[in-house]
Structure formats: C-alpha cells, structure tokens
Protein backbone atom coordinates (compact mmCIF):
# COMPACT_ATOMS: atom_id res chain seq x y z
CA VAL A 1 -0.08 0.26 -0.20
CA GLN A 2 1.03 3.57 -0.85
CA LEU A 3 0.10 6.49 1.13
CA GLN A 4 -0.27 10.23 -0.47
CA ALA A 5 -1.23 12.67 2.09
CA TYR A 6 -2.08 16.20 1.21
CA GLY A 7 -4.30 19.12 2.40
CA GLY A 8 -1.76 20.79 4.50
CA GLY A 9 -0.86 24.46 4.89
CA LEU A 10 -0.56 27.76 7.24
CA VAL A 11 -3.62 28.49 9.00
CA GLN A 12 -4.42 30.94 11.90
CA ALA A 13 -5.71 29.61 15.47
CA GLY A 14 -9.18 28.67 15.50
CA GLY A 15 -9.37 27.89 11.91
CA SER A 16 -9.82 24.68 9.88
CA LEU A 17 -7.96 22.23 7.71
CA ARG A 18 -8.78 19.43 5.64
CA LEU A 19 -6.26 16.21 5.31
CA SER A 20 -6.58 13.94 2.81
CA CYS A 21 -4.70 10.38 2.43
CA ALA A 22 -5.30 8.72 -1.11
CA ALA A 23 -4.28 4.91 -0.87
CA SER A 24 -2.90 2.72 -3.94
CA GLY A 25 -4.53 -1.10 -3.95
CA GLN A 26 -7.73 -2.42 -4.53
CA THR A 27 -8.28 -4.03 -0.90
CA PHE A 28 -8.36 -0.61 0.68
CA SER A 29 -11.56 -1.11 2.67
CA ARG A 30 -10.01 -3.62 4.31
CA TYR A 31 -7.22 -1.62 5.96
CA ALA A 32 -7.17 0.49 9.49
CA MET A 33 -6.45 3.73 8.57
CA GLY A 34 -4.94 6.62 10.60
CA TRP A 35 -3.15 9.61 11.29
CA PHE A 36 -0.09 10.49 13.40
CA ARG A 37 1.87 13.73 13.65
CA GLN A 38 5.44 15.06 14.77
CA ALA A 39 5.91 18.04 16.05
CA PRO A 40 9.32 20.03 16.10
CA GLY A 41 11.59 18.73 18.60
CA LYS A 42 8.66 15.84 19.85
CA GLU A 43 8.00 12.37 19.65
CA ARG A 44 5.25 11.05 16.98
CA GLU A 45 2.09 10.79 18.53
CA PHE A 46 -1.22 9.05 17.34
CA VAL A 47 -4.14 11.66 16.27
CA ALA A 48 -6.54 9.58 14.97
CA ALA A 49 -7.72 5.88 13.48
CA ILE A 50 -10.62 4.19 11.97
CA ARG A 51 -11.16 0.61 12.28
CA LEU A 52 -13.91 -1.74 11.07
CA GLY A 53 -15.92 1.28 11.27
CA ASN A 54 -15.01 2.37 14.82
CA THR A 55 -13.19 5.75 15.47
CA TYR A 56 -10.22 6.71 17.82
CA TYR A 57 -8.89 9.80 18.97
CA ALA A 58 -6.17 11.36 20.90
CA ASP A 59 -7.28 13.20 24.02
CA SER A 60 -5.57 16.14 22.42
CA VAL A 61 -8.08 16.27 19.28
CA LYS A 62 -11.40 14.78 20.38
CA GLY A 63 -14.05 17.11 19.63
CA ARG A 64 -12.16 19.11 17.34
CA PHE A 65 -11.07 16.51 15.06
CA THR A 66 -12.83 14.26 12.53
CA ILE A 67 -11.56 11.16 10.96
CA SER A 68 -13.26 9.59 7.66
CA ARG A 69 -12.92 7.16 4.95
CA GLU A 70 -14.55 7.14 1.72
CA ASN A 71 -13.41 3.47 0.60
CA ALA A 72 -14.80 4.06 -3.17
CA LYS A 73 -12.02 6.58 -3.74
CA ASN A 74 -9.50 4.76 -1.80
CA SER A 75 -8.98 7.78 0.93
CA VAL A 76 -9.41 8.82 4.28
CA TYR A 77 -9.60 12.09 5.46
CA LEU A 78 -8.99 14.53 8.87
CA GLU A 79 -11.19 17.20 9.82
CA MET A 80 -9.36 19.73 11.79
CA ASN A 81 -11.61 22.44 13.18
CA SER A 82 -11.01 24.80 16.51
CA LEU A 83 -7.13 24.41 15.47
CA LYS A 84 -4.40 25.70 18.21
CA PRO A 85 -0.89 26.86 17.50
CA GLU A 86 -0.17 23.39 19.27
CA ASP A 87 -1.71 21.52 16.43
CA THR A 88 1.56 22.58 14.26
CA ALA A 89 3.51 19.36 13.05
CA VAL A 90 3.97 17.03 10.34
CA TYR A 91 0.76 15.23 9.50
CA TYR A 92 1.30 11.28 8.43
CA CYS A 93 -1.06 9.12 7.07
CA VAL A 94 -0.99 5.63 8.28
CA ALA A 95 -2.51 2.31 7.46
CA ASP A 96 -2.56 -1.55 8.43
CA ARG A 97 -4.50 -4.71 7.63
CA THR A 98 -4.14 -6.43 10.67
CA ILE A 99 -3.82 -3.92 13.45
CA ILE A 100 -5.99 -4.41 16.38
CA ALA A 101 -7.73 -1.85 18.52
CA GLY A 102 -5.58 -2.18 21.37
CA VAL A 103 -2.52 -0.88 20.15
CA LEU A 104 -3.57 1.32 16.86
CA ARG A 105 -2.39 3.90 19.33
CA GLN A 106 1.35 2.72 19.04
CA SER A 107 3.15 4.10 15.83
CA GLU A 108 5.03 0.70 15.65
CA SER A 109 1.94 -1.50 15.14
CA TRP A 110 1.48 0.43 11.83
CA ASP A 111 2.82 -1.22 8.56
CA TYR A 112 2.33 1.80 6.16
CA TRP A 113 3.16 5.13 6.54
CA GLY A 114 2.99 8.27 4.02
CA GLN A 115 5.24 10.89 3.63
CA GLY A 116 3.50 13.41 5.54
CA THR A 117 1.73 16.75 5.37
CA LEU A 118 2.99 20.03 7.04
CA VAL A 119 0.29 21.72 9.28
CA THR A 120 1.15 25.33 10.60
CA VAL A 121 -0.84 26.76 12.98
CA SER A 122 -0.40 30.84 13.61
CA SER A 123 -1.35 32.55 17.01
C-alpha cells in the first residue's frame, strides 16, 4: 500500500483544515487507517484512527478533529477544526490490515506510512 497525504498548510488559530490521504491498492476497505503527527523536537504521536467502522482519537484532539474514509475513492480524511498552535506538526497517514484496537495508538504497530504533510497553526 502506498499512501499520499496532502492538504496541509498555514492556518490561523481557531481555523479549520482538511487533510486527505489517497491510498493505492484494491483492498483499501480492509485496512485500518489513521493519522499520526510529529511536532518539531517532539516524538511522533497518535492523532486518530478508523478501524472496522470505529473511530479513535487522542484526547488532545477529541471533539475538534474528525476522521472519516471513503472506500470508493481509496481515501481517508482528517477534518481539523478549532486549530491551536500546538497542533502544528507534520501529519502522517498510516495504514495496516491486521492491526488490533488495543495497539493502534502505537506508531510501531502500523505497517504503512505516507510521506507527511505540514500543518502550521499561527497564533
């Protein structure tokens, strides 16, 4: 599976942004999908995931971010609202076919990673 994330950019605090991730392959619907992010000088962290119709969020983004997928377009999205300067990071799209819910917040559990897209939130 190859992943291509896009949609990052510069936005003011309180604004919104929508990230998209396009995946290759014919069995996209069988994959769990997710998003991680890495801010400068910080470790990569879990943001959100969608698996078997269930969604999972980091506490820091719950209520502000929404993950969704469109299997017909082999795409997953991250709708980000009420953005804060601390949301500034490179956002990575991830995919895995066999991941279980108990480990999807761990970056090492995901097999496939996209190249990342930069989101910058100005104060």
